[in-house]
Amino acid sequence: MATHSIADIEAQIKAHAEQIEQLKAAAAKQRADEIGAVVQDARAKIAEYGISAKELGLGGKETTRRAAAVATGPRYRGPDGEIWVGGTRGRKPRWLTEGLAAGKTLADFAA
């Protein structure tokens, strides 16, 4: 078995880390594209069948209030493309708390 120097191993780790980040970015873009297609299809079906927001369970004061809060907070993107809106009630997502614990800042996750 061939031995590798620490510098060689660190270079390989860096190359793999860069490749991982590229793959994560590609996955996030593909997910966003797929979601866009699903949303477009859903909107077309809603229009075609004349479905109301209430029929979809999207009406009411609480839903409207939450939607307004979500729309106005800062947005953060996770490593797999998930979105979290700051200022909402509840815990921060695990990917965010782990990233912050690892030394990243909220700016690193800005969407």
Protein backbone atom coordinates (compact mmCIF):
# COMPACT_ATOMS: atom_id res chain seq x y z
CA MET A 1 0.00 0.00 0.00
CA ALA A 2 1.39 3.37 -1.00
CA THR A 3 1.75 6.00 1.67
CA HIS A 4 0.61 9.54 1.08
CA SER A 5 1.95 12.68 2.62
CA ILE A 6 -0.27 14.84 4.78
CA ALA A 7 -0.12 17.54 2.10
CA ASP A 8 -1.39 15.05 -0.51
CA ILE A 9 -4.22 13.95 1.75
CA GLU A 10 -5.18 17.55 2.57
CA ALA A 11 -5.18 18.41 -1.15
CA GLN A 12 -7.48 15.46 -1.83
CA ILE A 13 -9.78 16.52 1.00
CA LYS A 14 -9.94 20.05 -0.39
CA ALA A 15 -10.68 18.77 -3.90
CA HIS A 16 -13.43 16.51 -2.59
CA ALA A 17 -14.89 19.31 -0.47
CA GLU A 18 -15.04 21.55 -3.54
CA GLN A 19 -16.70 18.76 -5.51
CA ILE A 20 -19.23 18.24 -2.70
CA GLU A 21 -20.10 21.95 -2.71
CA GLN A 22 -20.54 21.88 -6.50
CA LEU A 23 -22.80 18.84 -6.25
CA LYS A 24 -24.84 20.45 -3.45
CA ALA A 25 -25.26 23.58 -5.55
CA ALA A 26 -26.31 21.51 -8.57
CA ALA A 27 -28.80 19.57 -6.43
CA ALA A 28 -30.25 22.79 -4.98
CA LYS A 29 -30.67 24.25 -8.48
CA GLN A 30 -32.29 21.07 -9.76
CA ARG A 31 -34.64 21.02 -6.76
CA ALA A 32 -35.56 24.67 -7.32
CA ASP A 33 -36.22 23.96 -11.02
CA GLU A 34 -38.39 20.96 -10.15
CA ILE A 35 -40.32 22.94 -7.54
CA GLY A 36 -40.87 25.69 -10.09
CA ALA A 37 -42.34 23.17 -12.53
CA VAL A 38 -44.58 21.68 -9.84
CA VAL A 39 -45.81 25.13 -8.76
CA GLN A 40 -46.52 26.08 -12.36
CA ASP A 41 -48.47 22.85 -12.89
CA ALA A 42 -50.39 23.35 -9.62
CA ARG A 43 -51.31 26.91 -10.59
CA ALA A 44 -52.57 25.71 -13.96
CA LYS A 45 -54.70 23.01 -12.31
CA ILE A 46 -56.07 25.48 -9.75
CA ALA A 47 -57.04 27.87 -12.53
CA GLU A 48 -58.47 25.08 -14.70
CA TYR A 49 -60.69 23.72 -11.93
CA GLY A 50 -61.42 27.04 -10.21
CA ILE A 51 -60.14 25.82 -6.85
CA SER A 52 -60.23 28.40 -4.05
CA ALA A 53 -57.61 29.03 -1.39
CA LYS A 54 -60.15 27.93 1.21
CA GLU A 55 -60.65 24.59 -0.58
CA LEU A 56 -56.88 24.12 -0.43
CA GLY A 57 -56.88 24.88 3.30
CA LEU A 58 -54.97 28.12 2.74
CA GLY A 59 -57.52 30.60 4.06
CA GLY A 60 -58.17 32.10 7.46
CA LYS A 61 -56.62 34.76 9.66
CA GLU A 62 -53.91 32.57 11.21
CA THR A 63 -52.69 31.38 7.82
CA THR A 64 -52.69 34.94 6.47
CA ARG A 65 -50.85 36.26 9.53
CA ARG A 66 -48.20 33.52 9.31
CA ALA A 67 -47.79 34.06 5.56
CA ALA A 68 -47.21 37.77 6.16
CA ALA A 69 -44.60 37.02 8.83
CA VAL A 70 -42.85 34.49 6.59
CA ALA A 71 -42.83 36.85 3.64
CA THR A 72 -41.14 39.65 5.61
CA GLY A 73 -38.36 37.82 7.46
CA PRO A 74 -34.81 37.22 6.25
CA ARG A 75 -34.38 34.01 4.27
CA TYR A 76 -31.64 31.44 4.81
CA ARG A 77 -30.82 28.50 2.53
CA GLY A 78 -29.65 25.15 3.87
CA PRO A 79 -27.10 22.84 2.30
CA ASP A 80 -29.79 20.82 0.51
CA GLY A 81 -31.70 23.83 -0.76
CA GLU A 82 -34.18 24.08 2.09
CA ILE A 83 -35.33 27.56 3.11
CA TRP A 84 -35.84 28.93 6.63
CA VAL A 85 -37.23 32.39 7.26
CA GLY A 86 -35.66 34.14 10.23
CA GLY A 87 -37.86 35.74 12.83
CA THR A 88 -40.47 32.99 12.66
CA ARG A 89 -41.58 31.17 15.77
CA GLY A 90 -39.98 27.90 16.72
CA ARG A 91 -36.47 26.54 16.67
CA LYS A 92 -33.87 27.19 14.05
CA PRO A 93 -33.42 24.18 11.76
CA ARG A 94 -30.70 21.69 12.63
CA TRP A 95 -28.61 22.53 9.55
CA LEU A 96 -28.49 26.16 10.68
CA THR A 97 -27.66 25.52 14.34
CA GLU A 98 -24.95 23.04 13.36
CA GLY A 99 -23.50 25.47 10.83
CA LEU A 100 -23.44 28.29 13.37
CA ALA A 101 -21.81 25.98 15.93
CA ALA A 102 -19.17 25.13 13.31
CA GLY A 103 -18.23 28.80 13.01
CA LYS A 104 -20.37 29.92 10.08
CA THR A 105 -22.45 33.10 10.25
CA LEU A 106 -26.02 33.80 9.20
CA ALA A 107 -24.58 35.65 6.20
CA ASP A 108 -23.11 32.34 5.00
CA PHE A 109 -26.65 30.98 4.72
CA ALA A 110 -28.33 34.05 3.23
CA ALA A 111 -30.68 33.09 0.41
